[in-house]
C-alpha atoms as a PDB file:
ATOM      1  CA  MET A   1       2.697-117.417 -86.783  1.00  0.00           C
ATOM      2  CA  THR A   2       5.007-117.944 -84.093  1.00  0.00           C
ATOM      3  CA  ILE A   3       5.497-115.347 -81.511  1.00  0.00           C
ATOM      4  CA  ALA A   4       8.816-114.140 -81.114  1.00  0.00           C
ATOM      5  CA  TYR A   5      10.157-112.319 -77.313  1.00  0.00           C
ATOM      6  CA  LEU A   6      12.556-109.295 -78.008  1.00  0.00           C
ATOM      7  CA  ASP A   7      15.059-108.863 -75.315  1.00  0.00           C
ATOM      8  CA  ALA A   8      15.877-105.107 -74.585  1.00  0.00           C
ATOM      9  CA  ASN A   9      19.041-105.542 -76.700  1.00  0.00           C
ATOM     10  CA  VAL A  10      17.353-105.804 -79.757  1.00  0.00           C
ATOM     11  CA  PHE A  11      15.835-102.244 -79.124  1.00  0.00           C
ATOM     12  CA  VAL A  12      19.113-100.652 -77.769  1.00  0.00           C
ATOM     13  CA  TYR A  13      20.962-102.151 -80.972  1.00  0.00           C
ATOM     14  CA  ALA A  14      18.053-100.884 -83.432  1.00  0.00           C
ATOM     15  CA  SER A  15      18.454 -97.499 -81.379  1.00  0.00           C
ATOM     16  CA  VAL A  16      22.222 -96.599 -81.284  1.00  0.00           C
ATOM     17  CA  SER A  17      24.216 -99.205 -83.562  1.00  0.00           C
ATOM     18  CA  GLN A  18      25.316 -98.312 -87.066  1.00  0.00           C
ATOM     19  CA  GLN A  19      26.831-101.595 -87.148  1.00  0.00           C
ATOM     20  CA  GLU A  20      25.187-104.839 -89.194  1.00  0.00           C
ATOM     21  CA  ILE A  21      23.537-105.707 -85.776  1.00  0.00           C
ATOM     22  CA  GLY A  22      21.882-102.442 -85.999  1.00  0.00           C
ATOM     23  CA  LYS A  23      20.844-102.305 -89.489  1.00  0.00           C
ATOM     24  CA  ARG A  24      19.294-106.032 -88.472  1.00  0.00           C
ATOM     25  CA  CYS A  25      17.564-104.964 -85.437  1.00  0.00           C
ATOM     26  CA  ARG A  26      15.617-102.001 -87.443  1.00  0.00           C
ATOM     27  CA  SER A  27      14.783-104.285 -90.203  1.00  0.00           C
ATOM     28  CA  LEU A  28      13.285-106.470 -87.416  1.00  0.00           C
ATOM     29  CA  VAL A  29      11.097-103.259 -86.233  1.00  0.00           C
ATOM     30  CA  GLN A  30       9.983-102.712 -89.378  1.00  0.00           C
ATOM     31  CA  ASP A  31       8.791-106.207 -90.143  1.00  0.00           C
ATOM     32  CA  ILE A  32       7.070-106.273 -86.686  1.00  0.00           C
ATOM     33  CA  GLU A  33       5.277-102.808 -87.636  1.00  0.00           C
ATOM     34  CA  ALA A  34       4.194-104.101 -91.316  1.00  0.00           C
ATOM     35  CA  GLY A  35       2.768-107.267 -89.215  1.00  0.00           C
ATOM     36  CA  SER A  36       4.913-109.933 -90.575  1.00  0.00           C
ATOM     37  CA  VAL A  37       6.548-110.555 -87.632  1.00  0.00           C
ATOM     38  CA  ARG A  38       4.417-111.293 -83.928  1.00  0.00           C
ATOM     39  CA  ALA A  39       6.528-109.869 -80.998  1.00  0.00           C
ATOM     40  CA  VAL A  40       6.018-109.344 -77.418  1.00  0.00           C
ATOM     41  CA  SER A  41       8.376-107.635 -75.162  1.00  0.00           C
ATOM     42  CA  SER A  42       8.190-106.858 -71.186  1.00  0.00           C
ATOM     43  CA  SER A  43       7.722-103.272 -69.470  1.00  0.00           C
ATOM     44  CA  LEU A  44      11.175-104.189 -68.132  1.00  0.00           C
ATOM     45  CA  THR A  45      12.764-103.503 -71.648  1.00  0.00           C
ATOM     46  CA  PHE A  46      11.271 -99.763 -71.506  1.00  0.00           C
ATOM     47  CA  ASP A  47      13.747 -99.093 -68.461  1.00  0.00           C
ATOM     48  CA  GLU A  48      16.741-101.085 -69.969  1.00  0.00           C
ATOM     49  CA  LEU A  49      16.307 -99.145 -73.173  1.00  0.00           C
ATOM     50  CA  VAL A  50      15.605 -95.568 -71.768  1.00  0.00           C
ATOM     51  CA  TRP A  51      18.683 -95.847 -69.718  1.00  0.00           C
ATOM     52  CA  VAL A  52      21.143 -97.332 -72.054  1.00  0.00           C
ATOM     53  CA  VAL A  53      20.175 -94.873 -74.532  1.00  0.00           C
ATOM     54  CA  LYS A  54      20.440 -91.734 -72.101  1.00  0.00           C
ATOM     55  CA  ARG A  55      23.764 -92.809 -71.158  1.00  0.00           C
ATOM     56  CA  LEU A  56      25.067 -93.190 -74.654  1.00  0.00           C
ATOM     57  CA  ARG A  57      23.199 -90.527 -76.405  1.00  0.00           C
ATOM     58  CA  GLY A  58      21.497 -88.404 -73.676  1.00  0.00           C
ATOM     59  CA  TYR A  59      18.134 -87.550 -72.405  1.00  0.00           C
ATOM     60  CA  GLU A  60      16.368 -86.417 -75.931  1.00  0.00           C
ATOM     61  CA  ALA A  61      17.622 -89.535 -77.313  1.00  0.00           C
ATOM     62  CA  ALA A  62      16.288 -91.666 -74.408  1.00  0.00           C
ATOM     63  CA  ILE A  63      12.637 -90.065 -74.529  1.00  0.00           C
ATOM     64  CA  GLU A  64      12.541 -90.727 -78.513  1.00  0.00           C
ATOM     65  CA  ALA A  65      13.593 -94.071 -78.030  1.00  0.00           C
ATOM     66  CA  GLY A  66      11.049 -94.835 -75.208  1.00  0.00           C
ATOM     67  CA  ALA A  67       8.578 -93.170 -76.715  1.00  0.00           C
ATOM     68  CA  ALA A  68       9.095 -95.042 -80.106  1.00  0.00           C
ATOM     69  CA  PHE A  69       9.113 -98.691 -78.199  1.00  0.00           C
ATOM     70  CA  LEU A  70       5.801 -97.470 -76.354  1.00  0.00           C
ATOM     71  CA  ASN A  71       4.178 -96.556 -79.546  1.00  0.00           C
ATOM     72  CA  MET A  72       5.373 -99.164 -81.570  1.00  0.00           C
ATOM     73  CA  VAL A  73       2.754-101.234 -83.838  1.00  0.00           C
ATOM     74  CA  GLY A  74       2.648-104.426 -83.882  1.00  0.00           C
ATOM     75  CA  LEU A  75       4.510-105.161 -80.231  1.00  0.00           C
ATOM     76  CA  LYS A  76       2.916-106.366 -77.387  1.00  0.00           C
ATOM     77  CA  ILE A  77       4.474-104.936 -74.411  1.00  0.00           C
ATOM     78  CA  THR A  78       3.609-107.272 -71.247  1.00  0.00           C
ATOM     79  CA  GLU A  79       3.285-106.112 -67.587  1.00  0.00           C
ATOM     80  CA  VAL A  80       5.968-107.423 -64.794  1.00  0.00           C
ATOM     81  CA  ASP A  81       3.456-108.488 -62.374  1.00  0.00           C
ATOM     82  CA  VAL A  82       3.471-110.912 -59.352  1.00  0.00           C
ATOM     83  CA  GLU A  83       3.136-114.216 -61.644  1.00  0.00           C
ATOM     84  CA  THR A  84       5.803-112.910 -63.698  1.00  0.00           C
ATOM     85  CA  LEU A  85       8.071-112.519 -60.586  1.00  0.00           C
ATOM     86  CA  ASN A  86       7.311-115.767 -59.196  1.00  0.00           C
ATOM     87  CA  THR A  87       8.043-117.382 -62.613  1.00  0.00           C
ATOM     88  CA  ALA A  88      11.492-115.082 -62.680  1.00  0.00           C
ATOM     89  CA  LEU A  89      12.179-116.470 -59.204  1.00  0.00           C
ATOM     90  CA  GLN A  90      11.717-120.007 -60.201  1.00  0.00           C
ATOM     91  CA  LEU A  91      14.109-119.627 -63.098  1.00  0.00           C
ATOM     92  CA  ILE A  92      16.386-117.910 -60.958  1.00  0.00           C
ATOM     93  CA  ASN A  93      16.243-121.121 -58.584  1.00  0.00           C
ATOM     94  CA  GLU A  94      16.671-123.530 -61.175  1.00  0.00           C
ATOM     95  CA  HIS A  95      18.928-122.050 -63.873  1.00  0.00           C
ATOM     96  CA  ARG A  96      21.049-119.183 -61.958  1.00  0.00           C
ATOM     97  CA  LEU A  97      19.703-116.365 -64.061  1.00  0.00           C
ATOM     98  CA  ASN A  98      20.539-113.284 -63.198  1.00  0.00           C
ATOM     99  CA  PRO A  99      17.070-111.311 -62.085  1.00  0.00           C
ATOM    100  CA  ARG A 100      16.695-109.110 -65.288  1.00  0.00           C
ATOM    101  CA  ASP A 101      17.094-111.955 -67.324  1.00  0.00           C
ATOM    102  CA  SER A 102      14.687-114.263 -65.321  1.00  0.00           C
ATOM    103  CA  ILE A 103      12.130-111.618 -65.677  1.00  0.00           C
ATOM    104  CA  HIS A 104      12.486-111.216 -69.411  1.00  0.00           C
ATOM    105  CA  ALA A 105      12.773-114.949 -69.659  1.00  0.00           C
ATOM    106  CA  ALA A 106       9.261-115.544 -67.374  1.00  0.00           C
ATOM    107  CA  SER A 107       7.750-113.049 -69.441  1.00  0.00           C
ATOM    108  CA  ALA A 108       8.227-115.040 -72.641  1.00  0.00           C
ATOM    109  CA  ILE A 109       7.331-118.353 -71.351  1.00  0.00           C
ATOM    110  CA  LEU A 110       4.086-116.467 -69.957  1.00  0.00           C
ATOM    111  CA  ALA A 111       3.348-114.865 -73.056  1.00  0.00           C
ATOM    112  CA  GLY A 112       3.778-118.106 -75.188  1.00  0.00           C
ATOM    113  CA  ALA A 113       6.528-117.282 -76.963  1.00  0.00           C
ATOM    114  CA  GLU A 114       8.314-119.889 -79.182  1.00  0.00           C
ATOM    115  CA  TYR A 115      11.605-117.875 -78.755  1.00  0.00           C
ATOM    116  CA  ILE A 116      13.354-115.257 -77.350  1.00  0.00           C
ATOM    117  CA  LEU A 117      15.577-113.104 -79.759  1.00  0.00           C
ATOM    118  CA  SER A 118      18.587-111.871 -77.903  1.00  0.00           C
ATOM    119  CA  ASP A 119      22.581-111.906 -78.041  1.00  0.00           C
ATOM    120  CA  ASP A 120      22.807-112.923 -74.251  1.00  0.00           C
ATOM    121  CA  SER A 121      23.952-116.214 -74.260  1.00  0.00           C
ATOM    122  CA  ASP A 122      22.765-116.583 -70.645  1.00  0.00           C
ATOM    123  CA  PHE A 123      19.284-117.553 -72.281  1.00  0.00           C
ATOM    124  CA  ASP A 124      20.840-120.673 -73.380  1.00  0.00           C
ATOM    125  CA  LYS A 125      20.484-122.076 -69.790  1.00  0.00           C
ATOM    126  CA  LEU A 126      16.833-122.537 -70.802  1.00  0.00           C
ATOM    127  CA  LYS A 127      16.918-124.869 -73.518  1.00  0.00           C
ATOM    128  CA  GLN A 128      14.119-126.866 -72.347  1.00  0.00           C
ATOM    129  CA  LYS A 129      11.527-123.823 -71.449  1.00  0.00           C
ATOM    130  CA  LEU A 130      12.755-121.332 -74.130  1.00  0.00           C
ATOM    131  CA  LYS A 131      14.828-121.423 -77.273  1.00  0.00           C
ATOM    132  CA  ARG A 132      17.027-118.278 -77.973  1.00  0.00           C
ATOM    133  CA  LYS A 133      17.847-116.827 -81.439  1.00  0.00           C
ATOM    134  CA  THR A 134      20.700-114.736 -81.837  1.00  0.00           C
ATOM    135  CA  ILE A 135      19.865-111.532 -83.526  1.00  0.00           C
END
């Protein structure tokens, strides 16, 4: 079974969007929890998710979203350590990625993910190292 890296926007859409993209992301979360999809994300995702949900829905919703992320069955959460940051810095240098995107990409690569699931087209710069699938 392949490993998917989930960008923070997957969890943000699942938490706040009532549009079709939010429904697809909530369905994906259910598939991960059911064990039919192997997924990994970075501890950086927690920061992004809680920040956006707090801004859009307030502290209580942000705390709930953060707890759901941390307790999600089937999701592996990687740490942002020195190896991840060194890899991220290489990606910034080689592909001119933004720092957060480079940390997500480095986390995905180091976790052995076959692709990154994201609506962020900046990850398309990494076609040789990491494929992007849209949400």
